[in-house]
Protein backbone atom coordinates (compact mmCIF):
# COMPACT_ATOMS: atom_id res chain seq x y z
CA MET A 1 1.95 -18.32 -50.94
CA PHE A 2 1.09 -21.32 -48.77
CA ILE A 3 0.40 -23.33 -51.45
CA PHE A 4 3.90 -22.50 -53.29
CA PHE A 5 5.39 -23.54 -49.78
CA VAL A 6 3.50 -26.88 -49.75
CA GLN A 7 3.89 -27.66 -53.28
CA THR A 8 7.71 -27.25 -53.22
CA LEU A 9 8.06 -29.38 -50.13
CA ARG A 10 5.91 -32.05 -52.02
CA GLN A 11 7.74 -31.97 -55.37
CA HIS A 12 11.13 -31.75 -53.68
CA GLN A 13 11.88 -28.30 -55.25
CA PHE A 14 14.06 -27.43 -52.40
CA ASN A 15 16.52 -24.97 -54.23
CA TRP A 16 13.53 -23.01 -55.61
CA LEU A 17 12.36 -22.47 -52.00
CA TRP A 18 15.35 -21.89 -50.09
CA PHE A 19 16.47 -19.28 -52.71
CA ALA A 20 13.21 -17.72 -52.50
CA VAL A 21 13.35 -17.54 -48.78
CA ALA A 22 16.67 -16.41 -48.74
CA ILE A 23 16.17 -13.48 -50.96
CA TRP A 24 13.48 -12.50 -48.68
CA LEU A 25 15.70 -12.53 -45.79
CA VAL A 26 18.35 -10.69 -47.47
CA LEU A 27 15.92 -7.98 -48.73
CA GLY A 28 14.31 -7.77 -45.41
CA LEU A 29 17.34 -7.58 -43.47
CA PHE A 30 18.75 -4.92 -45.65
CA SER A 31 15.46 -2.89 -46.13
CA GLY A 32 15.29 -3.02 -42.17
CA SER A 33 18.61 -1.53 -41.68
CA VAL A 34 18.10 1.16 -44.17
CA LEU A 35 14.45 1.95 -42.45
CA PRO A 36 14.28 0.60 -38.95
CA ARG A 37 10.86 -0.24 -37.77
CA VAL A 38 9.28 0.76 -40.99
CA LEU A 39 10.60 -1.96 -43.37
CA GLY A 40 12.04 -5.30 -42.24
CA ILE A 41 11.30 -9.02 -42.67
CA THR A 42 8.09 -9.05 -41.05
CA GLN A 43 6.71 -5.75 -42.47
CA PRO A 44 4.01 -5.86 -44.86
CA PHE A 45 5.97 -4.14 -47.85
CA ASN A 46 8.45 -6.90 -47.64
CA LEU A 47 5.45 -9.57 -47.81
CA TYR A 48 3.97 -7.76 -50.76
CA LEU A 49 7.04 -8.74 -52.79
CA ALA A 50 6.36 -12.32 -52.23
CA HIS A 51 5.85 -13.01 -56.40
CA PHE A 52 9.40 -11.47 -56.69
CA TYR A 53 11.09 -13.84 -54.60
CA VAL A 54 9.21 -16.62 -56.06
CA PHE A 55 10.15 -15.60 -59.28
CA MET A 56 13.77 -15.31 -58.57
CA GLY A 57 13.65 -18.60 -57.02
CA SER A 58 12.38 -20.31 -60.13
CA ILE A 59 15.50 -19.82 -61.74
CA PHE A 60 16.42 -23.25 -60.13
CA PHE A 61 13.36 -24.50 -61.49
CA PHE A 62 14.34 -23.63 -65.07
CA LEU A 63 17.61 -25.01 -64.60
CA ASN A 64 17.10 -28.22 -63.08
CA SER A 65 13.60 -29.48 -63.93
CA THR A 66 12.85 -28.50 -67.49
CA PHE A 67 13.84 -30.72 -70.11
CA ARG A 68 13.37 -29.80 -73.84
CA LEU A 69 11.53 -32.33 -75.98
CA PRO A 70 13.26 -33.55 -79.02
CA GLU A 71 10.32 -34.38 -81.41
CA ARG A 72 8.82 -30.71 -81.13
CA LYS A 73 10.95 -27.55 -81.54
CA ALA A 74 10.81 -24.90 -78.69
CA THR A 75 8.97 -27.13 -76.61
CA TRP A 76 9.95 -28.11 -72.97
CA HIS A 77 8.52 -30.44 -70.25
CA THR A 78 8.95 -30.74 -66.49
CA PRO A 79 8.36 -34.45 -65.65
CA GLN A 80 9.17 -34.63 -62.12
CA VAL A 81 7.33 -31.08 -61.15
CA GLY A 82 3.56 -30.78 -60.64
CA ALA A 83 1.57 -28.62 -63.02
CA TYR A 84 0.78 -25.76 -60.32
CA LEU A 85 4.74 -25.30 -59.83
CA ASN A 86 5.30 -25.32 -63.76
CA LEU A 87 2.45 -22.91 -64.20
CA LEU A 88 3.60 -20.51 -61.63
CA ALA A 89 7.02 -20.61 -62.81
CA ILE A 90 5.97 -19.86 -66.48
CA THR A 91 3.32 -17.23 -65.71
CA GLY A 92 5.89 -15.62 -63.32
CA LEU A 93 8.41 -15.37 -66.20
CA CYS A 94 5.53 -13.76 -68.50
CA MET A 95 4.73 -11.26 -65.96
CA HIS A 96 8.02 -10.31 -65.29
CA LEU A 97 8.96 -9.81 -68.81
CA ALA A 98 5.95 -7.96 -69.48
CA PHE A 99 6.60 -5.80 -66.75
CA GLY A 100 10.23 -5.24 -67.56
CA MET A 101 9.19 -4.15 -71.14
CA LEU A 102 6.85 -1.42 -69.65
CA VAL A 103 9.60 -0.44 -67.58
CA ALA A 104 11.73 -0.27 -70.43
CA LEU A 105 9.27 1.87 -72.55
CA THR A 106 8.88 4.13 -69.70
CA TRP A 107 12.57 4.99 -69.28
CA TRP A 108 12.82 5.06 -73.14
CA THR A 109 10.20 7.82 -73.16
CA TYR A 110 10.79 9.52 -69.88
CA PRO A 111 11.04 13.11 -70.52
CA GLN A 112 7.92 13.19 -72.79
CA GLY A 113 4.21 13.07 -72.02
CA TYR A 114 2.88 11.15 -69.10
CA ALA A 115 6.25 9.23 -68.58
CA ALA A 116 6.91 11.41 -65.32
CA MET A 117 3.54 9.46 -63.71
CA LEU A 118 4.27 5.97 -65.28
CA PRO A 119 7.46 5.06 -62.73
CA ALA A 120 5.02 5.85 -59.95
CA LYS A 121 2.28 3.88 -61.17
CA LEU A 122 4.31 0.89 -62.22
CA PHE A 123 5.90 0.73 -58.76
CA ALA A 124 2.44 0.96 -57.30
CA MET A 125 1.01 -2.11 -59.53
CA TYR A 126 4.47 -4.12 -58.88
CA ALA A 127 5.03 -3.54 -55.05
CA LEU A 128 1.76 -2.41 -53.77
CA ASP A 129 -0.91 -4.09 -55.33
CA PRO A 130 -0.23 -7.87 -54.87
CA ILE A 131 -3.80 -8.62 -55.47
CA PHE A 132 -3.83 -7.38 -59.17
CA TRP A 133 -0.60 -9.19 -59.60
CA TYR A 134 -1.93 -12.42 -58.30
CA GLY A 135 -5.10 -12.20 -59.74
CA THR A 136 -3.88 -11.61 -63.39
CA GLN A 137 -1.13 -14.64 -62.63
CA PHE A 138 -3.98 -16.96 -61.62
CA LEU A 139 -5.81 -15.95 -64.60
CA LEU A 140 -2.91 -16.60 -67.03
CA MET A 141 -2.36 -19.83 -65.22
CA LEU A 142 -6.19 -20.99 -65.86
CA LEU A 143 -5.78 -19.85 -69.59
CA PHE A 144 -2.46 -22.06 -69.98
CA VAL A 145 -3.99 -24.83 -68.50
CA LEU A 146 -7.07 -24.53 -70.80
CA HIS A 147 -4.90 -24.10 -73.68
CA ARG A 148 -3.05 -27.65 -72.84
CA LYS A 149 -6.20 -29.28 -72.23
CA MET A 150 -7.54 -28.18 -75.75
CA LEU A 151 -4.42 -29.70 -77.33
CA GLY A 152 -4.83 -32.85 -75.20
CA GLU A 153 -1.53 -32.45 -73.40
CA SER A 154 -0.35 -32.21 -69.78
CA ALA A 155 0.20 -28.79 -68.04
CA ARG A 156 3.58 -29.75 -67.48
CA ILE A 157 4.49 -28.77 -71.29
CA PHE A 158 5.18 -25.24 -72.09
CA SER A 159 6.35 -23.87 -75.35
CA LEU A 160 7.97 -20.65 -76.74
CA PRO A 161 4.83 -19.39 -78.65
CA GLN A 162 2.76 -20.04 -75.37
CA ILE A 163 5.24 -17.90 -73.52
CA GLN A 164 4.89 -15.23 -75.99
CA VAL A 165 1.26 -14.95 -75.89
CA GLY A 166 1.31 -14.76 -72.18
CA VAL A 167 3.89 -11.99 -72.34
CA LEU A 168 1.44 -10.00 -74.58
CA LEU A 169 -1.64 -10.67 -72.36
CA CYS A 170 0.28 -9.38 -69.49
CA LEU A 171 1.52 -6.45 -71.27
CA LEU A 172 -1.84 -5.85 -72.23
CA TRP A 173 -3.29 -6.38 -68.73
CA GLN A 174 -0.47 -4.14 -67.20
CA PHE A 175 -0.76 -1.29 -69.72
CA LEU A 176 -4.50 -1.53 -68.81
CA TYR A 177 -3.41 -1.11 -65.02
CA VAL A 178 -1.28 1.74 -65.49
CA ILE A 179 -3.65 4.10 -67.46
CA ASN A 180 -6.05 3.34 -64.96
CA ALA A 181 -8.73 1.48 -67.51
CA TYR A 182 -10.70 0.04 -64.62
CA VAL A 183 -11.96 3.46 -63.79
CA TRP A 184 -12.80 4.91 -67.30
CA LEU A 185 -13.32 1.73 -69.69
CA PRO A 186 -16.45 0.53 -67.85
CA ARG A 187 -17.88 4.02 -68.23
CA LEU A 188 -16.91 4.24 -72.17
CA LEU A 189 -18.72 0.70 -72.73
CA ARG A 190 -21.62 1.99 -70.97
CA TRP A 191 -21.76 5.15 -73.26
CA LEU A 192 -21.15 3.09 -76.26
CA LEU A 193 -23.77 0.51 -75.47
CA LEU A 194 -26.34 3.42 -74.73
CA ASN A 195 -25.60 5.85 -77.69
CA PHE A 196 -25.44 2.94 -80.10
């Protein structure tokens, strides 16, 4: 998040920065009043949600800094913002859309099957495991940079198909996290390799 702070100052994205900090302060003060000395501005739980604050602040990025390319359909660019902030905003949008889809599907199928355990897993993924969140977001940023390099374009350009593919990748990664695939998938792959 230090990189986000430095880049918003360098790129003059003060609206994004102050809105993210304001949300952190408001939620920190509110949670501190609900559970004093357990939650608050400086408690780790509120700092784990930094990706939420950055995503909410990126609303100003999408409103102020993105412009549609007239010659290409469903494609936008950010001429006055660096590639890092552009990628951070787009990947944050993709990850939150995928998370929202998983939450909606869990709510839709709630009384059946494993749906009783899924809200806890989704909460743990979103609020208690920032390493997974930032790791997958960084991986998605790398994929978007490679995609634009292959097309010979700047990383400051993004398109609707790119966002759709990003949402599908995030949906897959988050689904695998929720079903604990990192525990049983390596065992399954090892068994398949040894038996076939």
